[in-house]
Amino acid sequence: MSDTPPDGTIDDLIRHIRDAVGQDRPIIIGMKIIIAPATPGPGREGTEPAIEVHTFGNRVTLVAELPGMAAEDVQVLFREDRVYIWAKDQQRHYRSSAKVPPAEEDTIGVSFRNGVLEVSYTPLSLPPA
């Protein structure tokens, strides 16, 4: 038998491995597949809330729903053209990111009320190309 894996499907590769180790029973290779429920159930709040991006005049407003969180448990980070949002307490963990217009540093305002995060800022003025 050859030591090089066959070209083809995953089934061919698994057969090749089984033949190489001389076993006729299934082998677990260390793969983990997780299928999340279509709708959150009890204790399974969604972990990736949508980030809505709205433009009003010269301001950009981002909105994300983080139900059950307190303001001190929420973190917002801008990195170039992406925003990252984390929120974690004893019962819930949310994390999300979105592509957004880059923010001008000193113009960012954040508010958090009734589980709704709003981040408003002036986008960075880019020089004409």
N, C-alpha and C. Protein backbone atom coordinates (compact mmCIF):
# COMPACT_ATOMS: atom_id res chain seq x y z
N MET A 1 0.83 -1.17 0.00
CA MET A 1 0.00 0.00 0.00
C MET A 1 0.87 1.23 0.00
N SER A 2 0.41 2.27 -0.67
CA SER A 2 1.14 3.52 -0.78
C SER A 2 0.92 4.38 0.47
N ASP A 3 1.94 5.18 0.84
CA ASP A 3 1.81 6.08 1.98
C ASP A 3 1.17 7.41 1.61
N THR A 4 0.91 7.66 0.35
CA THR A 4 0.29 8.91 -0.04
C THR A 4 -1.22 8.71 -0.09
N PRO A 5 -1.98 9.67 0.45
CA PRO A 5 -3.43 9.53 0.46
C PRO A 5 -3.98 9.60 -0.96
N PRO A 6 -5.09 8.93 -1.19
CA PRO A 6 -5.67 8.94 -2.53
C PRO A 6 -6.31 10.28 -2.83
N ASP A 7 -6.36 10.61 -4.12
CA ASP A 7 -7.13 11.78 -4.55
C ASP A 7 -8.58 11.34 -4.61
N GLY A 8 -9.49 12.18 -4.17
CA GLY A 8 -10.90 11.80 -4.23
C GLY A 8 -11.66 12.36 -3.06
N THR A 9 -12.68 11.64 -2.66
CA THR A 9 -13.59 12.11 -1.63
C THR A 9 -13.06 11.81 -0.23
N ILE A 10 -13.74 12.36 0.75
CA ILE A 10 -13.39 12.08 2.14
C ILE A 10 -13.58 10.60 2.46
N ASP A 11 -14.56 9.97 1.81
CA ASP A 11 -14.78 8.53 2.01
C ASP A 11 -13.55 7.73 1.57
N ASP A 12 -12.94 8.13 0.43
CA ASP A 12 -11.73 7.44 -0.04
C ASP A 12 -10.59 7.61 0.97
N LEU A 13 -10.47 8.83 1.54
CA LEU A 13 -9.43 9.09 2.52
C LEU A 13 -9.64 8.26 3.78
N ILE A 14 -10.88 8.17 4.25
CA ILE A 14 -11.17 7.37 5.45
C ILE A 14 -10.89 5.89 5.19
N ARG A 15 -11.29 5.39 4.02
CA ARG A 15 -10.98 3.98 3.67
C ARG A 15 -9.47 3.75 3.67
N HIS A 16 -8.72 4.71 3.13
CA HIS A 16 -7.26 4.61 3.09
C HIS A 16 -6.70 4.54 4.52
N ILE A 17 -7.19 5.37 5.40
CA ILE A 17 -6.72 5.36 6.80
C ILE A 17 -7.07 4.04 7.47
N ARG A 18 -8.30 3.56 7.26
CA ARG A 18 -8.72 2.29 7.87
C ARG A 18 -7.85 1.13 7.37
N ASP A 19 -7.55 1.13 6.09
CA ASP A 19 -6.70 0.07 5.54
C ASP A 19 -5.29 0.17 6.12
N ALA A 20 -4.79 1.40 6.30
CA ALA A 20 -3.43 1.59 6.80
C ALA A 20 -3.28 1.10 8.23
N VAL A 21 -4.32 1.25 9.06
CA VAL A 21 -4.22 0.81 10.46
C VAL A 21 -4.78 -0.59 10.66
N GLY A 22 -5.39 -1.15 9.62
CA GLY A 22 -5.85 -2.53 9.69
C GLY A 22 -7.09 -2.72 10.55
N GLN A 23 -7.99 -1.77 10.53
CA GLN A 23 -9.21 -1.91 11.31
C GLN A 23 -10.42 -1.93 10.40
N ASP A 24 -11.41 -2.74 10.78
CA ASP A 24 -12.65 -2.80 10.01
C ASP A 24 -13.76 -1.99 10.67
N ARG A 25 -13.49 -1.44 11.82
CA ARG A 25 -14.53 -0.66 12.51
C ARG A 25 -14.27 0.83 12.29
N PRO A 26 -15.27 1.66 12.56
CA PRO A 26 -15.09 3.11 12.35
C PRO A 26 -13.98 3.69 13.22
N ILE A 27 -13.34 4.70 12.71
CA ILE A 27 -12.27 5.40 13.42
C ILE A 27 -12.72 6.84 13.63
N ILE A 28 -12.50 7.36 14.83
CA ILE A 28 -12.80 8.77 15.07
C ILE A 28 -11.51 9.53 14.87
N ILE A 29 -11.54 10.52 13.99
CA ILE A 29 -10.33 11.21 13.59
C ILE A 29 -10.13 12.51 14.37
N GLY A 30 -11.07 12.92 15.17
CA GLY A 30 -10.91 14.16 15.93
C GLY A 30 -11.57 15.33 15.26
N MET A 31 -12.74 15.13 14.75
CA MET A 31 -13.47 16.18 14.09
C MET A 31 -14.70 16.49 14.95
N LYS A 32 -15.02 17.77 15.10
CA LYS A 32 -16.18 18.15 15.89
C LYS A 32 -17.09 18.99 15.02
N ILE A 33 -18.34 18.58 14.90
CA ILE A 33 -19.32 19.31 14.11
C ILE A 33 -20.41 19.77 15.06
N ILE A 34 -20.69 21.07 15.04
CA ILE A 34 -21.71 21.63 15.90
C ILE A 34 -22.76 22.28 15.01
N ILE A 35 -24.01 21.91 15.22
CA ILE A 35 -25.10 22.52 14.48
C ILE A 35 -25.94 23.28 15.49
N ALA A 36 -25.95 24.60 15.37
CA ALA A 36 -26.69 25.43 16.32
C ALA A 36 -28.17 25.35 16.02
N PRO A 37 -29.01 25.49 17.05
CA PRO A 37 -30.45 25.46 16.80
C PRO A 37 -30.88 26.66 15.96
N ALA A 38 -31.94 26.49 15.20
CA ALA A 38 -32.42 27.56 14.33
C ALA A 38 -32.93 28.74 15.13
N THR A 39 -33.55 28.48 16.26
CA THR A 39 -34.02 29.55 17.14
C THR A 39 -33.45 29.32 18.52
N PRO A 40 -33.11 30.39 19.22
CA PRO A 40 -32.57 30.21 20.57
C PRO A 40 -33.59 29.58 21.49
N GLY A 41 -33.13 28.67 22.33
CA GLY A 41 -33.99 28.06 23.33
C GLY A 41 -33.65 28.62 24.69
N PRO A 42 -34.25 28.08 25.75
CA PRO A 42 -33.96 28.59 27.09
C PRO A 42 -32.47 28.46 27.40
N GLY A 43 -31.86 29.54 27.86
CA GLY A 43 -30.44 29.52 28.21
C GLY A 43 -29.52 29.54 27.00
N ARG A 44 -30.07 29.72 25.80
CA ARG A 44 -29.25 29.73 24.58
C ARG A 44 -29.42 31.04 23.83
N GLU A 45 -29.17 32.15 24.47
CA GLU A 45 -29.28 33.43 23.79
C GLU A 45 -28.33 33.43 22.60
N GLY A 46 -28.70 34.15 21.54
CA GLY A 46 -27.85 34.22 20.37
C GLY A 46 -26.51 34.85 20.72
N THR A 47 -25.44 34.28 20.25
CA THR A 47 -24.12 34.79 20.62
C THR A 47 -23.56 35.78 19.62
N GLU A 48 -24.19 35.92 18.46
CA GLU A 48 -23.68 36.84 17.45
C GLU A 48 -24.80 37.78 17.01
N PRO A 49 -25.04 38.84 17.79
CA PRO A 49 -26.11 39.76 17.42
C PRO A 49 -25.76 40.53 16.15
N ALA A 50 -26.77 40.86 15.39
CA ALA A 50 -26.55 41.66 14.19
C ALA A 50 -26.17 43.07 14.58
N ILE A 51 -25.27 43.67 13.81
CA ILE A 51 -24.90 45.07 14.00
C ILE A 51 -25.48 45.84 12.82
N GLU A 52 -26.46 46.70 13.11
CA GLU A 52 -27.05 47.52 12.06
C GLU A 52 -26.18 48.75 11.87
N VAL A 53 -25.94 49.13 10.62
CA VAL A 53 -25.12 50.30 10.29
C VAL A 53 -26.02 51.30 9.56
N HIS A 54 -26.18 52.50 10.15
CA HIS A 54 -27.02 53.55 9.57
C HIS A 54 -26.18 54.80 9.37
N THR A 55 -26.43 55.52 8.28
CA THR A 55 -25.76 56.79 8.04
C THR A 55 -26.81 57.89 8.04
N PHE A 56 -26.59 58.90 8.91
CA PHE A 56 -27.47 60.06 9.00
C PHE A 56 -26.60 61.31 8.80
N GLY A 57 -26.71 61.93 7.64
CA GLY A 57 -25.87 63.10 7.36
C GLY A 57 -24.40 62.71 7.38
N ASN A 58 -23.62 63.40 8.24
CA ASN A 58 -22.19 63.10 8.32
C ASN A 58 -21.87 62.19 9.50
N ARG A 59 -22.87 61.50 10.07
CA ARG A 59 -22.66 60.60 11.21
C ARG A 59 -23.03 59.17 10.83
N VAL A 60 -22.32 58.21 11.40
CA VAL A 60 -22.64 56.79 11.25
C VAL A 60 -23.12 56.32 12.62
N THR A 61 -24.21 55.58 12.64
CA THR A 61 -24.73 55.02 13.89
C THR A 61 -24.80 53.51 13.76
N LEU A 62 -24.25 52.81 14.74
CA LEU A 62 -24.28 51.36 14.81
C LEU A 62 -25.24 50.97 15.92
N VAL A 63 -26.08 49.97 15.69
CA VAL A 63 -27.05 49.53 16.69
C VAL A 63 -26.94 48.02 16.83
N ALA A 64 -26.86 47.54 18.08
CA ALA A 64 -26.83 46.10 18.35
C ALA A 64 -27.67 45.83 19.59
N GLU A 65 -28.46 44.77 19.55
CA GLU A 65 -29.27 44.37 20.70
C GLU A 65 -28.50 43.36 21.53
N LEU A 66 -28.35 43.67 22.83
CA LEU A 66 -27.64 42.81 23.76
C LEU A 66 -28.53 42.61 24.99
N PRO A 67 -29.62 41.86 24.85
CA PRO A 67 -30.59 41.75 25.94
C PRO A 67 -29.98 41.16 27.21
N GLY A 68 -30.38 41.77 28.34
CA GLY A 68 -29.95 41.26 29.64
C GLY A 68 -28.59 41.75 30.10
N MET A 69 -27.90 42.53 29.28
CA MET A 69 -26.55 42.97 29.65
C MET A 69 -26.61 44.30 30.40
N ALA A 70 -25.56 44.57 31.17
CA ALA A 70 -25.37 45.86 31.82
C ALA A 70 -24.30 46.62 31.03
N ALA A 71 -24.36 47.95 31.09
CA ALA A 71 -23.42 48.78 30.32
C ALA A 71 -21.97 48.45 30.63
N GLU A 72 -21.65 48.15 31.88
CA GLU A 72 -20.25 47.88 32.25
C GLU A 72 -19.73 46.55 31.72
N ASP A 73 -20.63 45.70 31.18
CA ASP A 73 -20.21 44.41 30.63
C ASP A 73 -20.02 44.44 29.12
N VAL A 74 -20.15 45.63 28.52
CA VAL A 74 -20.07 45.77 27.06
C VAL A 74 -18.77 46.45 26.68
N GLN A 75 -18.10 45.91 25.65
CA GLN A 75 -16.87 46.51 25.12
C GLN A 75 -17.02 46.71 23.62
N VAL A 76 -16.51 47.86 23.15
CA VAL A 76 -16.55 48.19 21.72
C VAL A 76 -15.14 48.54 21.29
N LEU A 77 -14.68 47.96 20.18
CA LEU A 77 -13.35 48.23 19.66
C LEU A 77 -13.43 48.50 18.16
N PHE A 78 -12.81 49.60 17.73
CA PHE A 78 -12.69 49.89 16.31
C PHE A 78 -11.28 49.53 15.88
N ARG A 79 -11.17 48.85 14.76
CA ARG A 79 -9.88 48.54 14.16
C ARG A 79 -10.01 48.72 12.66
N GLU A 80 -9.44 49.81 12.17
CA GLU A 80 -9.52 50.18 10.75
C GLU A 80 -10.98 50.21 10.29
N ASP A 81 -11.38 49.31 9.40
CA ASP A 81 -12.75 49.35 8.87
C ASP A 81 -13.66 48.28 9.49
N ARG A 82 -13.38 47.88 10.74
CA ARG A 82 -14.23 46.90 11.43
C ARG A 82 -14.51 47.39 12.84
N VAL A 83 -15.70 47.03 13.33
CA VAL A 83 -16.03 47.27 14.73
C VAL A 83 -16.26 45.90 15.36
N TYR A 84 -15.78 45.75 16.60
CA TYR A 84 -15.93 44.50 17.35
C TYR A 84 -16.71 44.82 18.62
N ILE A 85 -17.70 43.99 18.93
CA ILE A 85 -18.51 44.19 20.13
C ILE A 85 -18.48 42.90 20.93
N TRP A 86 -18.16 43.03 22.24
CA TRP A 86 -18.18 41.90 23.18
C TRP A 86 -19.06 42.29 24.35
N ALA A 87 -19.79 41.33 24.87
CA ALA A 87 -20.56 41.55 26.08
C ALA A 87 -20.65 40.21 26.80
N LYS A 88 -20.37 40.22 28.11
CA LYS A 88 -20.36 38.96 28.85
C LYS A 88 -20.74 39.21 30.29
N ASP A 89 -21.63 38.36 30.82
CA ASP A 89 -21.93 38.34 32.24
C ASP A 89 -21.99 36.88 32.68
N GLN A 90 -22.56 36.60 33.82
CA GLN A 90 -22.59 35.23 34.34
C GLN A 90 -23.45 34.29 33.49
N GLN A 91 -24.43 34.83 32.79
CA GLN A 91 -25.38 33.97 32.06
C GLN A 91 -25.25 34.05 30.55
N ARG A 92 -24.73 35.12 30.02
CA ARG A 92 -24.73 35.34 28.58
C ARG A 92 -23.36 35.76 28.07
N HIS A 93 -23.16 35.52 26.78
CA HIS A 93 -21.92 35.94 26.12
C HIS A 93 -22.29 36.30 24.69
N TYR A 94 -22.06 37.55 24.33
CA TYR A 94 -22.31 38.01 22.97
C TYR A 94 -20.99 38.47 22.36
N ARG A 95 -20.84 38.23 21.07
CA ARG A 95 -19.68 38.77 20.34
C ARG A 95 -20.10 38.92 18.89
N SER A 96 -19.66 40.00 18.29
CA SER A 96 -20.02 40.25 16.91
C SER A 96 -19.04 41.24 16.31
N SER A 97 -18.99 41.29 14.98
CA SER A 97 -18.18 42.28 14.30
C SER A 97 -18.85 42.61 12.98
N ALA A 98 -18.50 43.77 12.45
CA ALA A 98 -19.06 44.20 11.16
C ALA A 98 -18.09 45.13 10.48
N LYS A 99 -18.15 45.14 9.17
CA LYS A 99 -17.36 46.08 8.39
C LYS A 99 -18.10 47.42 8.41
N VAL A 100 -17.38 48.47 8.78
CA VAL A 100 -17.98 49.81 8.91
C VAL A 100 -17.02 50.85 8.34
N PRO A 101 -17.53 52.05 8.04
CA PRO A 101 -16.61 53.13 7.64
C PRO A 101 -15.66 53.43 8.81
N PRO A 102 -14.37 53.64 8.56
CA PRO A 102 -13.43 53.93 9.64
C PRO A 102 -13.87 55.16 10.44
N ALA A 103 -13.65 55.12 11.75
CA ALA A 103 -14.11 56.18 12.65
C ALA A 103 -13.01 57.21 12.91
N GLU A 104 -13.42 58.47 12.98
CA GLU A 104 -12.53 59.53 13.43
C GLU A 104 -12.48 59.42 14.96
N GLU A 105 -11.29 59.26 15.52
CA GLU A 105 -11.11 58.89 16.93
C GLU A 105 -11.89 59.70 17.94
N ASP A 106 -11.83 60.99 17.90
CA ASP A 106 -12.41 61.83 18.94
C ASP A 106 -13.90 62.10 18.75
N THR A 107 -14.57 61.39 17.85
CA THR A 107 -15.97 61.67 17.57
C THR A 107 -16.90 60.54 18.00
N ILE A 108 -16.39 59.51 18.65
CA ILE A 108 -17.19 58.33 18.98
C ILE A 108 -17.99 58.56 20.25
N GLY A 109 -19.30 58.32 20.16
CA GLY A 109 -20.18 58.40 21.31
C GLY A 109 -20.90 57.07 21.48
N VAL A 110 -21.02 56.59 22.72
CA VAL A 110 -21.64 55.30 23.00
C VAL A 110 -22.76 55.48 24.00
N SER A 111 -23.92 54.85 23.73
CA SER A 111 -24.99 54.82 24.71
C SER A 111 -25.53 53.40 24.79
N PHE A 112 -26.00 53.03 25.98
CA PHE A 112 -26.55 51.68 26.19
C PHE A 112 -27.75 51.80 27.10
N ARG A 113 -28.92 51.51 26.55
CA ARG A 113 -30.17 51.59 27.31
C ARG A 113 -31.06 50.41 26.96
N ASN A 114 -31.64 49.80 27.98
CA ASN A 114 -32.62 48.72 27.79
C ASN A 114 -32.09 47.62 26.86
N GLY A 115 -30.82 47.29 26.97
CA GLY A 115 -30.24 46.21 26.18
C GLY A 115 -29.90 46.57 24.75
N VAL A 116 -29.97 47.85 24.41
CA VAL A 116 -29.66 48.28 23.04
C VAL A 116 -28.43 49.17 23.07
N LEU A 117 -27.40 48.75 22.35
CA LEU A 117 -26.15 49.51 22.23
C LEU A 117 -26.23 50.39 20.99
N GLU A 118 -25.92 51.67 21.16
CA GLU A 118 -25.83 52.59 20.03
C GLU A 118 -24.45 53.25 20.06
N VAL A 119 -23.76 53.16 18.94
CA VAL A 119 -22.45 53.79 18.79
C VAL A 119 -22.57 54.75 17.62
N SER A 120 -22.25 56.03 17.87
CA SER A 120 -22.36 57.05 16.83
C SER A 120 -21.01 57.72 16.65
N TYR A 121 -20.64 58.00 15.41
CA TYR A 121 -19.34 58.63 15.15
C TYR A 121 -19.33 59.29 13.79
N THR A 122 -18.32 60.13 13.60
CA THR A 122 -18.07 60.74 12.30
C THR A 122 -17.06 59.86 11.58
N PRO A 123 -17.37 59.46 10.34
CA PRO A 123 -16.41 58.64 9.62
C PRO A 123 -15.16 59.43 9.26
N LEU A 124 -14.06 58.72 9.20
CA LEU A 124 -12.77 59.30 8.85
C LEU A 124 -12.82 59.83 7.43
N SER A 125 -12.36 61.07 7.27
CA SER A 125 -12.31 61.65 5.92
C SER A 125 -11.07 61.13 5.23
N LEU A 126 -11.28 60.38 4.18
CA LEU A 126 -10.15 59.84 3.45
C LEU A 126 -9.78 60.79 2.33
N PRO A 127 -8.48 60.99 2.08
CA PRO A 127 -8.08 61.86 0.97
C PRO A 127 -8.55 61.27 -0.35
N PRO A 128 -8.88 62.12 -1.33
CA PRO A 128 -9.33 61.59 -2.63
C PRO A 128 -8.24 60.74 -3.28
N ALA A 129 -8.66 59.70 -3.95
CA ALA A 129 -7.70 58.77 -4.58
C ALA A 129 -7.22 59.30 -5.90
